[in-house]
Amino acid sequence: MDPRPLPPPIKPRTLKRASYGYVTTDNRFEITPAYSPTLQRGSASRPSYWIVKDTTGKQKDRDYLTLDVVREHYCAPGGKVPWLVCDMDDGVVRVEPSRAAAVKWACLHNDGKVISRDPQGEGWYDYAIGPDRDDAVGVWIARADVVHRHGFDPAQEPWYPYLDAPHEPGPRAVRTDDER
């Protein structure tokens, strides 16, 4: 077993406004404000706390004092959703903080340049990368909060997980190669 620690699984969500409160971008959690009563027999004018409800029913409802705490527990760090390099056969290949970083990694990994980029919807791009059009490989580069719509698990361990060695295969890649 590799003694090097893997980075923690990503949290591929941000909050977006809903008709009453917020919802995570993957629609798993609804966040609604709660107002405490006041001494004047009314309700507070600002939310006293926030109730987080799991729409799948897998977790109990929880209360948090601020939206910042909700974001810390349920969303991507700093509200910035990471970008994933995905492959049809291998699933999540690499996690990067931005689309530009994901494209750069894919170009270095495939010894090439961007031959074509085809937007496939919000936060989803189909790239052809290689030395020329005849030898290009196809990769998908997508925001982590939209890959589930295309059948990928955004929290899956990437094939190349290490920050200090971005092209070194991780445990999932080694296990899969051993099984072949």
N, C-alpha and C. Protein backbone atom coordinates (compact mmCIF):
# COMPACT_ATOMS: atom_id res chain seq x y z
N MET A 1 0.84 -1.18 0.00
CA MET A 1 0.00 0.00 0.00
C MET A 1 0.88 1.24 0.00
N ASP A 2 0.48 2.24 -0.74
CA ASP A 2 1.24 3.48 -0.85
C ASP A 2 1.16 4.26 0.46
N PRO A 3 2.31 4.58 1.06
CA PRO A 3 2.29 5.31 2.34
C PRO A 3 1.94 6.79 2.18
N ARG A 4 1.95 7.29 0.97
CA ARG A 4 1.64 8.71 0.75
C ARG A 4 0.15 8.96 0.96
N PRO A 5 -0.18 10.01 1.69
CA PRO A 5 -1.60 10.30 1.90
C PRO A 5 -2.24 10.89 0.65
N LEU A 6 -3.46 10.49 0.42
CA LEU A 6 -4.23 11.06 -0.70
C LEU A 6 -4.89 12.35 -0.24
N PRO A 7 -5.11 13.28 -1.17
CA PRO A 7 -5.86 14.47 -0.79
C PRO A 7 -7.28 14.06 -0.39
N PRO A 8 -7.94 14.83 0.49
CA PRO A 8 -9.30 14.48 0.87
C PRO A 8 -10.24 14.57 -0.34
N PRO A 9 -11.33 13.80 -0.33
CA PRO A 9 -12.30 13.89 -1.43
C PRO A 9 -12.85 15.32 -1.52
N ILE A 10 -13.14 15.74 -2.73
CA ILE A 10 -13.63 17.10 -2.93
C ILE A 10 -15.10 17.21 -2.54
N LYS A 11 -15.52 18.43 -2.25
CA LYS A 11 -16.92 18.74 -2.01
C LYS A 11 -17.37 19.59 -3.20
N PRO A 12 -18.04 18.99 -4.16
CA PRO A 12 -18.30 19.70 -5.41
C PRO A 12 -19.58 20.53 -5.44
N ARG A 13 -19.78 21.37 -4.43
CA ARG A 13 -21.04 22.13 -4.41
C ARG A 13 -20.80 23.60 -4.09
N THR A 14 -21.74 24.40 -4.54
CA THR A 14 -21.87 25.77 -4.07
C THR A 14 -23.34 25.97 -3.74
N LEU A 15 -23.65 27.09 -3.11
CA LEU A 15 -25.04 27.42 -2.82
C LEU A 15 -25.58 28.33 -3.89
N LYS A 16 -26.82 28.09 -4.27
CA LYS A 16 -27.49 29.00 -5.19
C LYS A 16 -28.84 29.36 -4.59
N ARG A 17 -29.30 30.54 -4.90
CA ARG A 17 -30.57 31.02 -4.36
C ARG A 17 -31.72 30.14 -4.83
N ALA A 18 -32.64 29.91 -3.93
CA ALA A 18 -33.87 29.19 -4.24
C ALA A 18 -35.03 30.14 -3.93
N SER A 19 -36.24 29.70 -4.15
CA SER A 19 -37.39 30.58 -3.89
C SER A 19 -37.45 31.00 -2.43
N TYR A 20 -37.02 30.13 -1.53
CA TYR A 20 -36.97 30.46 -0.11
C TYR A 20 -35.70 29.86 0.47
N GLY A 21 -34.65 30.63 0.54
CA GLY A 21 -33.39 30.13 1.07
C GLY A 21 -32.42 29.80 -0.05
N TYR A 22 -31.73 28.66 0.11
CA TYR A 22 -30.71 28.23 -0.84
C TYR A 22 -30.86 26.74 -1.11
N VAL A 23 -30.19 26.31 -2.16
CA VAL A 23 -30.09 24.90 -2.50
C VAL A 23 -28.67 24.68 -3.00
N THR A 24 -28.10 23.49 -2.77
CA THR A 24 -26.77 23.21 -3.31
C THR A 24 -26.90 22.97 -4.81
N THR A 25 -25.81 23.21 -5.53
CA THR A 25 -25.86 23.10 -6.99
C THR A 25 -26.16 21.69 -7.48
N ASP A 26 -25.97 20.68 -6.63
CA ASP A 26 -26.34 19.32 -7.04
C ASP A 26 -27.76 18.96 -6.57
N ASN A 27 -28.46 19.94 -5.99
CA ASN A 27 -29.84 19.79 -5.50
C ASN A 27 -29.98 18.76 -4.38
N ARG A 28 -28.90 18.40 -3.72
CA ARG A 28 -28.98 17.41 -2.64
C ARG A 28 -29.48 18.04 -1.35
N PHE A 29 -29.06 19.28 -1.05
CA PHE A 29 -29.40 19.90 0.22
C PHE A 29 -30.18 21.19 0.00
N GLU A 30 -31.23 21.37 0.81
CA GLU A 30 -31.99 22.62 0.84
C GLU A 30 -31.63 23.34 2.14
N ILE A 31 -31.36 24.62 2.04
CA ILE A 31 -30.96 25.41 3.19
C ILE A 31 -32.00 26.51 3.36
N THR A 32 -32.72 26.47 4.48
CA THR A 32 -33.78 27.45 4.72
C THR A 32 -33.50 28.23 5.99
N PRO A 33 -33.87 29.51 6.00
CA PRO A 33 -33.66 30.32 7.19
C PRO A 33 -34.69 30.00 8.27
N ALA A 34 -34.29 30.18 9.52
CA ALA A 34 -35.21 30.03 10.65
C ALA A 34 -35.11 31.30 11.49
N TYR A 35 -36.24 31.78 11.94
CA TYR A 35 -36.30 33.04 12.69
C TYR A 35 -36.78 32.78 14.11
N SER A 36 -36.01 33.24 15.08
CA SER A 36 -36.36 33.06 16.49
C SER A 36 -37.37 34.13 16.91
N PRO A 37 -38.21 33.80 17.89
CA PRO A 37 -39.15 34.81 18.40
C PRO A 37 -38.39 35.90 19.18
N THR A 38 -38.98 37.07 19.21
CA THR A 38 -38.38 38.18 19.97
C THR A 38 -39.20 38.43 21.23
N LEU A 39 -38.69 39.27 22.09
CA LEU A 39 -39.40 39.62 23.32
C LEU A 39 -40.69 40.40 23.03
N GLN A 40 -40.75 41.04 21.87
CA GLN A 40 -41.93 41.82 21.50
C GLN A 40 -42.99 40.95 20.80
N ARG A 41 -42.86 39.65 20.91
CA ARG A 41 -43.81 38.67 20.35
C ARG A 41 -43.85 38.65 18.83
N GLY A 42 -42.74 39.01 18.25
CA GLY A 42 -42.60 38.90 16.81
C GLY A 42 -41.49 37.93 16.48
N SER A 43 -40.95 38.07 15.30
CA SER A 43 -39.82 37.23 14.88
C SER A 43 -38.64 38.12 14.55
N ALA A 44 -37.47 37.57 14.66
CA ALA A 44 -36.26 38.31 14.32
C ALA A 44 -36.32 38.72 12.85
N SER A 45 -35.70 39.85 12.53
CA SER A 45 -35.74 40.33 11.15
C SER A 45 -34.69 39.63 10.28
N ARG A 46 -33.68 39.05 10.90
CA ARG A 46 -32.65 38.30 10.17
C ARG A 46 -32.69 36.85 10.63
N PRO A 47 -32.25 35.94 9.78
CA PRO A 47 -32.26 34.53 10.20
C PRO A 47 -31.43 34.32 11.46
N SER A 48 -31.98 33.57 12.39
CA SER A 48 -31.28 33.24 13.63
C SER A 48 -30.36 32.04 13.43
N TYR A 49 -30.76 31.16 12.51
CA TYR A 49 -29.95 30.00 12.15
C TYR A 49 -30.48 29.47 10.82
N TRP A 50 -29.79 28.48 10.29
CA TRP A 50 -30.15 27.90 8.99
C TRP A 50 -30.37 26.41 9.16
N ILE A 51 -31.42 25.90 8.53
CA ILE A 51 -31.74 24.47 8.59
C ILE A 51 -31.32 23.83 7.27
N VAL A 52 -30.50 22.78 7.37
CA VAL A 52 -30.04 22.06 6.18
C VAL A 52 -30.78 20.73 6.12
N LYS A 53 -31.52 20.54 5.02
CA LYS A 53 -32.30 19.32 4.83
C LYS A 53 -31.71 18.53 3.66
N ASP A 54 -31.44 17.25 3.89
CA ASP A 54 -30.96 16.35 2.85
C ASP A 54 -32.17 15.87 2.05
N THR A 55 -32.24 16.21 0.79
CA THR A 55 -33.41 15.85 -0.03
C THR A 55 -33.48 14.34 -0.31
N THR A 56 -32.37 13.63 -0.10
CA THR A 56 -32.39 12.17 -0.31
C THR A 56 -32.86 11.44 0.93
N GLY A 57 -32.90 12.12 2.07
CA GLY A 57 -33.32 11.50 3.32
C GLY A 57 -32.24 10.66 3.99
N LYS A 58 -31.02 10.70 3.49
CA LYS A 58 -29.94 9.89 4.06
C LYS A 58 -29.37 10.48 5.34
N GLN A 59 -29.52 11.79 5.52
CA GLN A 59 -29.01 12.45 6.72
C GLN A 59 -30.14 13.20 7.40
N LYS A 60 -30.03 13.32 8.73
CA LYS A 60 -31.02 14.09 9.48
C LYS A 60 -30.84 15.58 9.19
N ASP A 61 -31.92 16.34 9.39
CA ASP A 61 -31.82 17.79 9.27
C ASP A 61 -30.87 18.31 10.34
N ARG A 62 -30.10 19.34 9.97
CA ARG A 62 -29.14 19.92 10.91
C ARG A 62 -29.30 21.43 10.90
N ASP A 63 -28.99 22.05 12.02
CA ASP A 63 -29.05 23.51 12.16
C ASP A 63 -27.65 24.07 12.24
N TYR A 64 -27.43 25.22 11.57
CA TYR A 64 -26.15 25.92 11.62
C TYR A 64 -26.42 27.39 11.85
N LEU A 65 -25.52 28.04 12.59
CA LEU A 65 -25.73 29.44 12.93
C LEU A 65 -25.56 30.39 11.75
N THR A 66 -24.62 30.10 10.85
CA THR A 66 -24.38 31.02 9.73
C THR A 66 -24.28 30.25 8.41
N LEU A 67 -24.45 30.99 7.33
CA LEU A 67 -24.27 30.39 6.00
C LEU A 67 -22.81 30.02 5.77
N ASP A 68 -21.88 30.76 6.38
CA ASP A 68 -20.47 30.43 6.23
C ASP A 68 -20.17 29.03 6.77
N VAL A 69 -20.79 28.68 7.86
CA VAL A 69 -20.59 27.34 8.44
C VAL A 69 -21.22 26.29 7.52
N VAL A 70 -22.37 26.59 6.94
CA VAL A 70 -23.01 25.67 5.99
C VAL A 70 -22.08 25.45 4.80
N ARG A 71 -21.53 26.54 4.26
CA ARG A 71 -20.62 26.42 3.12
C ARG A 71 -19.39 25.58 3.48
N GLU A 72 -18.86 25.79 4.68
CA GLU A 72 -17.68 25.05 5.11
C GLU A 72 -17.96 23.55 5.18
N HIS A 73 -19.14 23.17 5.65
CA HIS A 73 -19.47 21.75 5.82
C HIS A 73 -19.96 21.07 4.54
N TYR A 74 -20.61 21.81 3.66
CA TYR A 74 -21.28 21.18 2.53
C TYR A 74 -20.77 21.58 1.15
N CYS A 75 -19.96 22.63 1.07
CA CYS A 75 -19.59 23.16 -0.24
C CYS A 75 -18.08 23.15 -0.47
N ALA A 76 -17.72 23.47 -1.70
CA ALA A 76 -16.33 23.54 -2.10
C ALA A 76 -15.61 24.63 -1.31
N PRO A 77 -14.32 24.43 -1.03
CA PRO A 77 -13.57 25.42 -0.25
C PRO A 77 -13.59 26.80 -0.91
N GLY A 78 -13.92 27.81 -0.15
CA GLY A 78 -13.96 29.17 -0.67
C GLY A 78 -15.03 29.39 -1.71
N GLY A 79 -15.96 28.44 -1.83
CA GLY A 79 -17.02 28.58 -2.84
C GLY A 79 -16.54 28.33 -4.25
N LYS A 80 -15.31 27.91 -4.43
CA LYS A 80 -14.76 27.65 -5.76
C LYS A 80 -14.83 26.16 -6.05
N VAL A 81 -15.66 25.79 -7.00
CA VAL A 81 -15.84 24.39 -7.36
C VAL A 81 -14.66 23.94 -8.23
N PRO A 82 -14.02 22.83 -7.89
CA PRO A 82 -12.89 22.36 -8.70
C PRO A 82 -13.35 21.85 -10.07
N TRP A 83 -12.39 21.71 -10.96
CA TRP A 83 -12.63 21.18 -12.30
C TRP A 83 -12.01 19.80 -12.40
N LEU A 84 -12.68 18.91 -13.12
CA LEU A 84 -12.23 17.53 -13.25
C LEU A 84 -11.87 17.21 -14.70
N VAL A 85 -10.82 16.43 -14.87
CA VAL A 85 -10.49 15.85 -16.17
C VAL A 85 -11.08 14.45 -16.11
N CYS A 86 -11.97 14.13 -17.04
CA CYS A 86 -12.68 12.84 -17.02
C CYS A 86 -12.42 12.05 -18.30
N ASP A 87 -12.51 10.74 -18.17
CA ASP A 87 -12.32 9.82 -19.28
C ASP A 87 -13.45 8.80 -19.26
N MET A 88 -13.92 8.40 -20.43
CA MET A 88 -15.03 7.45 -20.53
C MET A 88 -14.74 6.15 -19.79
N ASP A 89 -13.53 5.62 -19.92
CA ASP A 89 -13.19 4.34 -19.30
C ASP A 89 -12.69 4.47 -17.87
N ASP A 90 -11.92 5.52 -17.59
CA ASP A 90 -11.24 5.64 -16.30
C ASP A 90 -11.96 6.52 -15.30
N GLY A 91 -13.03 7.17 -15.69
CA GLY A 91 -13.75 8.05 -14.77
C GLY A 91 -12.98 9.33 -14.51
N VAL A 92 -12.91 9.73 -13.25
CA VAL A 92 -12.21 10.96 -12.88
C VAL A 92 -10.71 10.68 -12.94
N VAL A 93 -10.02 11.47 -13.75
CA VAL A 93 -8.59 11.27 -13.96
C VAL A 93 -7.77 12.24 -13.11
N ARG A 94 -8.23 13.49 -13.01
CA ARG A 94 -7.47 14.51 -12.29
C ARG A 94 -8.41 15.59 -11.78
N VAL A 95 -8.09 16.17 -10.62
CA VAL A 95 -8.83 17.29 -10.04
C VAL A 95 -7.91 18.50 -10.05
N GLU A 96 -8.41 19.62 -10.57
CA GLU A 96 -7.64 20.87 -10.61
C GLU A 96 -8.53 22.02 -10.12
N PRO A 97 -7.92 23.10 -9.64
CA PRO A 97 -8.72 24.20 -9.09
C PRO A 97 -9.44 25.05 -10.13
N SER A 98 -9.02 25.00 -11.40
CA SER A 98 -9.65 25.82 -12.43
C SER A 98 -9.66 25.07 -13.75
N ARG A 99 -10.47 25.56 -14.69
CA ARG A 99 -10.51 24.93 -16.02
C ARG A 99 -9.16 25.09 -16.71
N ALA A 100 -8.55 26.27 -16.58
CA ALA A 100 -7.24 26.51 -17.21
C ALA A 100 -6.20 25.52 -16.69
N ALA A 101 -6.20 25.28 -15.38
CA ALA A 101 -5.24 24.33 -14.80
C ALA A 101 -5.54 22.91 -15.28
N ALA A 102 -6.80 22.55 -15.43
CA ALA A 102 -7.18 21.22 -15.91
C ALA A 102 -6.74 21.03 -17.36
N VAL A 103 -6.92 22.05 -18.19
CA VAL A 103 -6.49 21.97 -19.59
C VAL A 103 -4.97 21.87 -19.67
N LYS A 104 -4.28 22.66 -18.87
CA LYS A 104 -2.81 22.62 -18.85
C LYS A 104 -2.32 21.22 -18.46
N TRP A 105 -2.93 20.64 -17.41
CA TRP A 105 -2.53 19.30 -16.99
C TRP A 105 -2.78 18.29 -18.11
N ALA A 106 -3.95 18.35 -18.74
CA ALA A 106 -4.29 17.40 -19.80
C ALA A 106 -3.34 17.54 -20.99
N CYS A 107 -2.94 18.76 -21.32
CA CYS A 107 -1.99 18.97 -22.41
C CYS A 107 -0.63 18.37 -22.07
N LEU A 108 -0.15 18.63 -20.85
CA LEU A 108 1.14 18.06 -20.43
C LEU A 108 1.08 16.54 -20.37
N HIS A 109 -0.02 16.02 -19.86
CA HIS A 109 -0.15 14.57 -19.69
C HIS A 109 -0.22 13.85 -21.04
N ASN A 110 -0.80 14.50 -22.04
CA ASN A 110 -0.97 13.89 -23.35
C ASN A 110 0.06 14.38 -24.37
N ASP A 111 1.09 15.09 -23.90
CA ASP A 111 2.16 15.59 -24.77
C ASP A 111 1.61 16.31 -26.00
N GLY A 112 0.71 17.23 -25.77
CA GLY A 112 0.13 17.92 -26.91
C GLY A 112 -0.41 19.28 -26.56
N LYS A 113 -1.26 19.75 -27.44
CA LYS A 113 -1.92 21.05 -27.28
C LYS A 113 -3.40 20.87 -27.56
N VAL A 114 -4.16 21.90 -27.30
CA VAL A 114 -5.60 21.85 -27.57
C VAL A 114 -5.82 21.92 -29.08
N ILE A 115 -6.41 20.88 -29.60
CA ILE A 115 -6.75 20.85 -31.03
C ILE A 115 -8.15 21.43 -31.24
N SER A 116 -9.07 21.06 -30.35
CA SER A 116 -10.43 21.61 -30.42
C SER A 116 -11.05 21.63 -29.03
N ARG A 117 -12.00 22.56 -28.85
CA ARG A 117 -12.75 22.67 -27.60
C ARG A 117 -14.21 22.86 -27.99
N ASP A 118 -15.05 21.99 -27.46
CA ASP A 118 -16.46 22.03 -27.80
C ASP A 118 -17.29 22.11 -26.52
N PRO A 119 -17.89 23.27 -26.23
CA PRO A 119 -18.75 23.36 -25.03
C PRO A 119 -19.96 22.44 -25.18
N GLN A 120 -20.23 21.68 -24.10
CA GLN A 120 -21.34 20.72 -24.12
C GLN A 120 -22.43 21.06 -23.11
N GLY A 121 -22.47 22.29 -22.65
CA GLY A 121 -23.43 22.70 -21.63
C GLY A 121 -22.71 23.43 -20.52
N GLU A 122 -23.45 23.86 -19.55
CA GLU A 122 -22.88 24.64 -18.45
C GLU A 122 -21.79 23.86 -17.72
N GLY A 123 -20.56 24.37 -17.77
CA GLY A 123 -19.46 23.77 -17.03
C GLY A 123 -18.94 22.46 -17.58
N TRP A 124 -19.23 22.13 -18.85
CA TRP A 124 -18.82 20.84 -19.43
C TRP A 124 -18.22 21.10 -20.81
N TYR A 125 -16.97 20.64 -21.04
CA TYR A 125 -16.28 20.85 -22.30
C TYR A 125 -15.69 19.54 -22.81
N ASP A 126 -15.78 19.35 -24.11
CA ASP A 126 -15.19 18.21 -24.78
C ASP A 126 -13.95 18.73 -25.50
N TYR A 127 -12.77 18.24 -25.09
CA TYR A 127 -11.50 18.69 -25.68
C TYR A 127 -10.87 17.57 -26.49
N ALA A 128 -10.21 17.96 -27.58
CA ALA A 128 -9.31 17.07 -28.31
C ALA A 128 -7.92 17.63 -28.07
N ILE A 129 -7.04 16.79 -27.52
CA ILE A 129 -5.70 17.22 -27.13
C ILE A 129 -4.68 16.26 -27.73
N GLY A 130 -3.64 16.81 -28.33
CA GLY A 130 -2.58 15.98 -28.88
C GLY A 130 -1.61 16.80 -29.70
N PRO A 131 -0.62 16.13 -30.29
CA PRO A 131 0.35 16.87 -31.10
C PRO A 131 -0.25 17.38 -32.41
N ASP A 132 -1.22 16.64 -32.95
CA ASP A 132 -1.93 17.08 -34.16
C ASP A 132 -3.31 16.40 -34.18
N ARG A 133 -4.13 16.79 -35.15
CA ARG A 133 -5.51 16.30 -35.21
C ARG A 133 -5.59 14.77 -35.34
N ASP A 134 -4.66 14.16 -36.06
CA ASP A 134 -4.70 12.71 -36.27
C ASP A 134 -4.39 11.92 -35.00
N ASP A 135 -3.57 12.48 -34.12
CA ASP A 135 -3.16 11.76 -32.91
C ASP A 135 -3.78 12.33 -31.64
N ALA A 136 -4.84 13.07 -31.78
CA ALA A 136 -5.48 13.70 -30.61
C ALA A 136 -6.30 12.68 -29.82
N VAL A 137 -6.35 12.88 -28.51
CA VAL A 137 -7.21 12.09 -27.65
C VAL A 137 -8.32 12.99 -27.13
N GLY A 138 -9.45 12.40 -26.85
CA GLY A 138 -10.57 13.16 -26.33
C GLY A 138 -10.63 13.09 -24.81
N VAL A 139 -10.82 14.23 -24.18
CA VAL A 139 -11.02 14.28 -22.73
C VAL A 139 -12.16 15.24 -22.45
N TRP A 140 -12.82 14.99 -21.34
CA TRP A 140 -13.84 15.90 -20.87
C TRP A 140 -13.27 16.68 -19.71
N ILE A 141 -13.49 17.96 -19.72
CA ILE A 141 -13.08 18.81 -18.61
C ILE A 141 -14.35 19.51 -18.15
N ALA A 142 -14.68 19.29 -16.87
CA ALA A 142 -15.97 19.75 -16.37
C ALA A 142 -15.88 20.22 -14.93
N ARG A 143 -16.80 21.11 -14.58
CA ARG A 143 -16.91 21.52 -13.19
C ARG A 143 -17.42 20.34 -12.37
N ALA A 144 -16.89 20.21 -11.16
CA ALA A 144 -17.23 19.06 -10.32
C ALA A 144 -18.71 19.01 -9.95
N ASP A 145 -19.40 20.15 -9.96
CA ASP A 145 -20.81 20.12 -9.57
C ASP A 145 -21.75 19.76 -10.72
N VAL A 146 -21.23 19.50 -11.92
CA VAL A 146 -22.10 19.10 -13.03
C VAL A 146 -21.78 17.71 -13.58
N VAL A 147 -20.67 17.09 -13.16
CA VAL A 147 -20.29 15.79 -13.74
C VAL A 147 -21.27 14.68 -13.41
N HIS A 148 -22.00 14.80 -12.30
CA HIS A 148 -22.97 13.75 -11.96
C HIS A 148 -24.07 13.65 -13.02
N ARG A 149 -24.35 14.73 -13.75
CA ARG A 149 -25.36 14.70 -14.82
C ARG A 149 -24.92 13.83 -15.99
N HIS A 150 -23.62 13.56 -16.06
CA HIS A 150 -23.07 12.76 -17.15
C HIS A 150 -22.60 11.39 -16.68
N GLY A 151 -23.00 11.00 -15.47
CA GLY A 151 -22.71 9.66 -14.98
C GLY A 151 -21.41 9.51 -14.21
N PHE A 152 -20.73 10.60 -13.89
CA PHE A 152 -19.47 10.52 -13.14
C PHE A 152 -19.72 10.83 -11.67
N ASP A 153 -18.90 10.23 -10.82
CA ASP A 153 -18.94 10.50 -9.39
C ASP A 153 -17.87 11.54 -9.08
N PRO A 154 -18.25 12.76 -8.73
CA PRO A 154 -17.25 13.81 -8.52
C PRO A 154 -16.32 13.56 -7.34
N ALA A 155 -16.72 12.73 -6.40
CA ALA A 155 -15.88 12.45 -5.24
C ALA A 155 -15.01 11.21 -5.44
N GLN A 156 -15.05 10.62 -6.65
CA GLN A 156 -14.24 9.44 -6.95
C GLN A 156 -12.75 9.80 -6.83
N GLU A 157 -11.97 8.87 -6.30
CA GLU A 157 -10.52 9.09 -6.23
C GLU A 157 -9.97 9.22 -7.65
N PRO A 158 -9.26 10.29 -7.95
CA PRO A 158 -8.72 10.45 -9.30
C PRO A 158 -7.58 9.47 -9.59
N TRP A 159 -7.35 9.19 -10.87
CA TRP A 159 -6.24 8.33 -11.26
C TRP A 159 -4.91 8.96 -10.91
N TYR A 160 -4.83 10.27 -11.00
CA TYR A 160 -3.59 11.01 -10.72
C TYR A 160 -3.89 11.99 -9.60
N PRO A 161 -3.86 11.54 -8.33
CA PRO A 161 -4.34 12.37 -7.22
C PRO A 161 -3.31 13.28 -6.57
N TYR A 162 -2.02 13.04 -6.80
CA TYR A 162 -1.00 13.71 -6.00
C TYR A 162 -0.70 15.13 -6.49
N LEU A 163 -0.68 16.06 -5.54
CA LEU A 163 -0.38 17.46 -5.87
C LEU A 163 1.11 17.63 -6.21
N ASP A 164 1.98 16.90 -5.50
CA ASP A 164 3.42 17.05 -5.70
C ASP A 164 3.95 16.21 -6.87
N ALA A 165 3.17 15.30 -7.38
CA ALA A 165 3.55 14.46 -8.52
C ALA A 165 2.32 14.29 -9.41
N PRO A 166 1.99 15.32 -10.20
CA PRO A 166 0.71 15.33 -10.91
C PRO A 166 0.52 14.26 -11.99
N HIS A 167 1.58 13.59 -12.41
CA HIS A 167 1.43 12.57 -13.46
C HIS A 167 1.74 11.17 -12.94
N GLU A 168 1.83 11.03 -11.61
CA GLU A 168 2.06 9.72 -11.00
C GLU A 168 0.72 9.07 -10.66
N PRO A 169 0.50 7.84 -11.14
CA PRO A 169 -0.78 7.18 -10.85
C PRO A 169 -0.96 6.92 -9.36
N GLY A 170 -2.19 7.04 -8.91
CA GLY A 170 -2.53 6.78 -7.52
C GLY A 170 -2.99 5.35 -7.31
N PRO A 171 -3.44 5.04 -6.10
CA PRO A 171 -3.85 3.67 -5.77
C PRO A 171 -4.97 3.11 -6.66
N ARG A 172 -5.95 3.93 -7.03
CA ARG A 172 -7.05 3.43 -7.87
C ARG A 172 -6.54 3.00 -9.23
N ALA A 173 -5.61 3.75 -9.81
CA ALA A 173 -5.05 3.40 -11.12
C ALA A 173 -4.22 2.12 -11.02
N VAL A 174 -3.46 1.99 -9.95
CA VAL A 174 -2.62 0.80 -9.76
C VAL A 174 -3.50 -0.44 -9.55
N ARG A 175 -4.56 -0.31 -8.73
CA ARG A 175 -5.48 -1.44 -8.50
C ARG A 175 -6.11 -1.88 -9.81
N THR A 176 -6.56 -0.92 -10.61
CA THR A 176 -7.23 -1.25 -11.87
C THR A 176 -6.25 -1.92 -12.84
N ASP A 177 -5.00 -1.42 -12.90
CA ASP A 177 -4.01 -2.05 -13.78
C ASP A 177 -3.72 -3.46 -13.35
N ASP A 178 -3.67 -3.73 -12.04
CA ASP A 178 -3.41 -5.07 -11.54
C ASP A 178 -4.54 -6.03 -11.90
N GLU A 179 -5.77 -5.51 -12.01
CA GLU A 179 -6.93 -6.35 -12.30
C GLU A 179 -7.01 -6.71 -13.78
N ARG A 180 -6.35 -5.94 -14.63
CA ARG A 180 -6.44 -6.17 -16.09
C ARG A 180 -5.62 -7.33 -16.54
